[in-house]
Amino acid sequence: MNKVILDPNILRQFTLNKYIEAERKNRFIAAKLKKTATAYARNVFLQAITDDVSFSWPTKLKFDWYLPDRRIDPDNWTFTQKFIFDGMQKAQIGKRVFLDNDNVKNIKGFDHDFYVDKVNPRLEIYEMEVVHEIP
């Protein structure tokens, strides 16, 4: 099974409450936060392309969150999927793009499950089920 692993310790700074706080301070601070988060995700997915990890689009995605603690609510964590999907689209090596477009044509749904793993926190993203369009 192909999966991509991101670090929740890095994603922690891009959760919903952090983004709202940045927006309230200054829209340019929030824009920089989005740019930084997207760049982090892009780098992870560039490495995935290099490692020959790919998903069969269209598909549903599974997000398994193994968090270091319970301090941040699940809805704050799931907000980071915006930056993750943007990073997937920006990850391109030559003609190989991880994800062409994050619209409903390619993203058929997603599931988030949450666990605590203090020793090895991570976010695992993988295909939950491949869905094919009926012509």
C-alpha atoms as a PDB file:
ATOM      1  CA  MET A   1       0.000   0.000   0.000  1.00  0.00           C
ATOM      2  CA  ASN A   2       1.349   3.400  -1.007  1.00  0.00           C
ATOM      3  CA  LYS A   3       1.357   5.950   1.781  1.00  0.00           C
ATOM      4  CA  VAL A   4       2.893   9.296   2.508  1.00  0.00           C
ATOM      5  CA  ILE A   5       3.963  10.333   6.005  1.00  0.00           C
ATOM      6  CA  LEU A   6       3.991  13.909   7.295  1.00  0.00           C
ATOM      7  CA  ASP A   7       5.161  15.239  10.649  1.00  0.00           C
ATOM      8  CA  PRO A   8       2.392  16.599  12.929  1.00  0.00           C
ATOM      9  CA  ASN A   9       5.018  18.469  14.939  1.00  0.00           C
ATOM     10  CA  ILE A  10       5.581  20.588  11.820  1.00  0.00           C
ATOM     11  CA  LEU A  11       1.875  20.710  10.899  1.00  0.00           C
ATOM     12  CA  ARG A  12       1.019  21.919  14.428  1.00  0.00           C
ATOM     13  CA  GLN A  13       1.936  25.498  13.470  1.00  0.00           C
ATOM     14  CA  PHE A  14      -0.570  25.425  10.579  1.00  0.00           C
ATOM     15  CA  THR A  15      -3.716  24.275  12.403  1.00  0.00           C
ATOM     16  CA  LEU A  16      -6.984  26.198  12.086  1.00  0.00           C
ATOM     17  CA  ASN A  17      -6.650  28.225  15.287  1.00  0.00           C
ATOM     18  CA  LYS A  18      -3.099  29.267  14.342  1.00  0.00           C
ATOM     19  CA  TYR A  19      -4.290  30.301  10.879  1.00  0.00           C
ATOM     20  CA  ILE A  20      -7.243  32.299  12.256  1.00  0.00           C
ATOM     21  CA  GLU A  21      -4.914  34.026  14.704  1.00  0.00           C
ATOM     22  CA  ALA A  22      -2.577  34.940  11.824  1.00  0.00           C
ATOM     23  CA  GLU A  23      -5.500  36.226   9.706  1.00  0.00           C
ATOM     24  CA  ARG A  24      -6.654  38.461  12.546  1.00  0.00           C
ATOM     25  CA  LYS A  25      -3.198  39.934  12.956  1.00  0.00           C
ATOM     26  CA  ASN A  26      -2.493  40.604   9.306  1.00  0.00           C
ATOM     27  CA  ARG A  27      -3.527  38.950   6.052  1.00  0.00           C
ATOM     28  CA  PHE A  28       0.087  38.926   4.883  1.00  0.00           C
ATOM     29  CA  ILE A  29       1.131  36.899   7.938  1.00  0.00           C
ATOM     30  CA  ALA A  30      -1.604  34.384   7.103  1.00  0.00           C
ATOM     31  CA  ALA A  31      -0.519  34.289   3.453  1.00  0.00           C
ATOM     32  CA  LYS A  32       3.039  33.523   4.547  1.00  0.00           C
ATOM     33  CA  LEU A  33       1.751  30.771   6.841  1.00  0.00           C
ATOM     34  CA  LYS A  34      -0.155  29.204   3.931  1.00  0.00           C
ATOM     35  CA  LYS A  35       2.885  29.480   1.661  1.00  0.00           C
ATOM     36  CA  THR A  36       5.148  27.851   4.272  1.00  0.00           C
ATOM     37  CA  ALA A  37       2.680  25.034   4.977  1.00  0.00           C
ATOM     38  CA  THR A  38       2.165  24.343   1.273  1.00  0.00           C
ATOM     39  CA  ALA A  39       5.946  24.308   0.709  1.00  0.00           C
ATOM     40  CA  TYR A  40       6.396  21.755   3.505  1.00  0.00           C
ATOM     41  CA  ALA A  41       3.711  19.493   2.008  1.00  0.00           C
ATOM     42  CA  ARG A  42       5.169  19.974  -1.490  1.00  0.00           C
ATOM     43  CA  ASN A  43       8.579  18.800  -0.291  1.00  0.00           C
ATOM     44  CA  VAL A  44       7.055  15.704   1.309  1.00  0.00           C
ATOM     45  CA  PHE A  45       5.218  14.834  -1.909  1.00  0.00           C
ATOM     46  CA  LEU A  46       8.288  15.551  -4.054  1.00  0.00           C
ATOM     47  CA  GLN A  47      10.070  12.932  -1.974  1.00  0.00           C
ATOM     48  CA  ALA A  48       7.098  10.604  -2.477  1.00  0.00           C
ATOM     49  CA  ILE A  49       7.411  11.011  -6.254  1.00  0.00           C
ATOM     50  CA  THR A  50      11.143  10.294  -5.994  1.00  0.00           C
ATOM     51  CA  ASP A  51      10.337   7.154  -3.957  1.00  0.00           C
ATOM     52  CA  ASP A  52       7.806   6.050  -6.626  1.00  0.00           C
ATOM     53  CA  VAL A  53       4.813   6.570  -4.365  1.00  0.00           C
ATOM     54  CA  SER A  54       1.668   7.467  -6.272  1.00  0.00           C
ATOM     55  CA  PHE A  55      -2.072   7.310  -5.827  1.00  0.00           C
ATOM     56  CA  SER A  56      -4.585   6.144  -8.429  1.00  0.00           C
ATOM     57  CA  TRP A  57      -6.771   9.168  -9.064  1.00  0.00           C
ATOM     58  CA  PRO A  58      -9.725   9.468  -8.604  1.00  0.00           C
ATOM     59  CA  THR A  59      -9.665   8.068  -5.088  1.00  0.00           C
ATOM     60  CA  LYS A  60     -10.728   8.464  -1.494  1.00  0.00           C
ATOM     61  CA  LEU A  61      -7.969   9.287   0.967  1.00  0.00           C
ATOM     62  CA  LYS A  62      -7.367   8.067   4.489  1.00  0.00           C
ATOM     63  CA  PHE A  63      -5.669  10.357   6.992  1.00  0.00           C
ATOM     64  CA  ASP A  64      -4.426   8.483  10.070  1.00  0.00           C
ATOM     65  CA  TRP A  65      -3.240  11.002  12.651  1.00  0.00           C
ATOM     66  CA  TYR A  66      -0.866   9.637  15.291  1.00  0.00           C
ATOM     67  CA  LEU A  67      -0.545  12.677  17.517  1.00  0.00           C
ATOM     68  CA  PRO A  68       1.937  13.377  20.310  1.00  0.00           C
ATOM     69  CA  ASP A  69      -0.896  14.432  22.668  1.00  0.00           C
ATOM     70  CA  ARG A  70      -4.569  15.401  22.819  1.00  0.00           C
ATOM     71  CA  ARG A  71      -4.040  19.161  23.187  1.00  0.00           C
ATOM     72  CA  ILE A  72      -5.310  20.154  19.728  1.00  0.00           C
ATOM     73  CA  ASP A  73      -8.850  19.321  18.618  1.00  0.00           C
ATOM     74  CA  PRO A  74      -9.337  17.097  15.559  1.00  0.00           C
ATOM     75  CA  ASP A  75     -11.043  19.854  13.528  1.00  0.00           C
ATOM     76  CA  ASN A  76      -7.969  22.045  13.960  1.00  0.00           C
ATOM     77  CA  TRP A  77      -5.748  19.279  12.609  1.00  0.00           C
ATOM     78  CA  THR A  78      -7.971  18.457   9.638  1.00  0.00           C
ATOM     79  CA  PHE A  79      -7.795  22.070   8.454  1.00  0.00           C
ATOM     80  CA  THR A  80      -4.194  21.391   7.419  1.00  0.00           C
ATOM     81  CA  GLN A  81      -5.485  19.139   4.621  1.00  0.00           C
ATOM     82  CA  LYS A  82      -5.994  22.347   2.596  1.00  0.00           C
ATOM     83  CA  PHE A  83      -2.238  22.930   2.620  1.00  0.00           C
ATOM     84  CA  ILE A  84      -1.568  19.228   2.071  1.00  0.00           C
ATOM     85  CA  PHE A  85      -3.733  19.107  -1.067  1.00  0.00           C
ATOM     86  CA  ASP A  86      -2.101  22.307  -2.352  1.00  0.00           C
ATOM     87  CA  GLY A  87       1.315  20.745  -1.739  1.00  0.00           C
ATOM     88  CA  MET A  88       0.251  17.610  -3.635  1.00  0.00           C
ATOM     89  CA  GLN A  89      -0.601  19.784  -6.639  1.00  0.00           C
ATOM     90  CA  LYS A  90       2.667  21.723  -6.499  1.00  0.00           C
ATOM     91  CA  ALA A  91       4.779  18.553  -6.242  1.00  0.00           C
ATOM     92  CA  GLN A  92       6.102  17.993  -9.744  1.00  0.00           C
ATOM     93  CA  ILE A  93       9.263  16.396 -11.074  1.00  0.00           C
ATOM     94  CA  GLY A  94       9.478  16.745 -14.841  1.00  0.00           C
ATOM     95  CA  LYS A  95       6.075  15.741 -16.149  1.00  0.00           C
ATOM     96  CA  ARG A  96       5.231  13.714 -13.037  1.00  0.00           C
ATOM     97  CA  VAL A  97       2.755  15.548 -10.810  1.00  0.00           C
ATOM     98  CA  PHE A  98       1.523  13.951  -7.609  1.00  0.00           C
ATOM     99  CA  LEU A  99      -2.009  15.370  -8.057  1.00  0.00           C
ATOM    100  CA  ASP A 100      -3.266  17.310 -11.086  1.00  0.00           C
ATOM    101  CA  ASN A 101      -6.184  19.001  -9.339  1.00  0.00           C
ATOM    102  CA  ASP A 102      -7.787  18.642  -5.928  1.00  0.00           C
ATOM    103  CA  ASN A 103     -11.334  18.993  -7.239  1.00  0.00           C
ATOM    104  CA  VAL A 104     -14.137  16.421  -6.860  1.00  0.00           C
ATOM    105  CA  LYS A 105     -13.042  14.755 -10.079  1.00  0.00           C
ATOM    106  CA  ASN A 106      -9.947  13.443  -8.260  1.00  0.00           C
ATOM    107  CA  ILE A 107     -10.786  13.649  -4.555  1.00  0.00           C
ATOM    108  CA  LYS A 108     -13.791  11.406  -3.971  1.00  0.00           C
ATOM    109  CA  GLY A 109     -13.721  11.800  -0.209  1.00  0.00           C
ATOM    110  CA  PHE A 110     -11.496  11.451   2.798  1.00  0.00           C
ATOM    111  CA  ASP A 111     -11.545   9.946   6.254  1.00  0.00           C
ATOM    112  CA  HIS A 112      -9.658  11.136   9.317  1.00  0.00           C
ATOM    113  CA  ASP A 113      -8.891   8.914  12.313  1.00  0.00           C
ATOM    114  CA  PHE A 114      -7.006  10.064  15.387  1.00  0.00           C
ATOM    115  CA  TYR A 115      -4.686   8.195  17.734  1.00  0.00           C
ATOM    116  CA  VAL A 116      -2.043   9.173  20.272  1.00  0.00           C
ATOM    117  CA  ASP A 117       1.520   7.993  19.725  1.00  0.00           C
ATOM    118  CA  LYS A 118       3.914   9.939  21.942  1.00  0.00           C
ATOM    119  CA  VAL A 119       6.924   8.010  20.682  1.00  0.00           C
ATOM    120  CA  ASN A 120       6.340   8.264  16.920  1.00  0.00           C
ATOM    121  CA  PRO A 121       3.838  11.025  16.026  1.00  0.00           C
ATOM    122  CA  ARG A 122       2.971  11.121  12.323  1.00  0.00           C
ATOM    123  CA  LEU A 123       0.264  11.635   9.746  1.00  0.00           C
ATOM    124  CA  GLU A 124      -0.121   8.733   7.339  1.00  0.00           C
ATOM    125  CA  ILE A 125      -2.036   9.433   4.120  1.00  0.00           C
ATOM    126  CA  TYR A 126      -3.003   6.598   1.824  1.00  0.00           C
ATOM    127  CA  GLU A 127      -5.667   5.524  -0.620  1.00  0.00           C
ATOM    128  CA  MET A 128      -8.750   4.253   1.108  1.00  0.00           C
ATOM    129  CA  GLU A 129     -10.507   3.039  -1.987  1.00  0.00           C
ATOM    130  CA  VAL A 130     -10.066   3.624  -5.669  1.00  0.00           C
ATOM    131  CA  VAL A 131     -13.209   4.961  -7.306  1.00  0.00           C
ATOM    132  CA  HIS A 132     -13.651   4.913 -11.068  1.00  0.00           C
ATOM    133  CA  GLU A 133     -16.060   7.110 -12.930  1.00  0.00           C
ATOM    134  CA  ILE A 134     -18.766   5.529 -15.045  1.00  0.00           C
ATOM    135  CA  PRO A 135     -18.344   6.820 -18.620  1.00  0.00           C
END
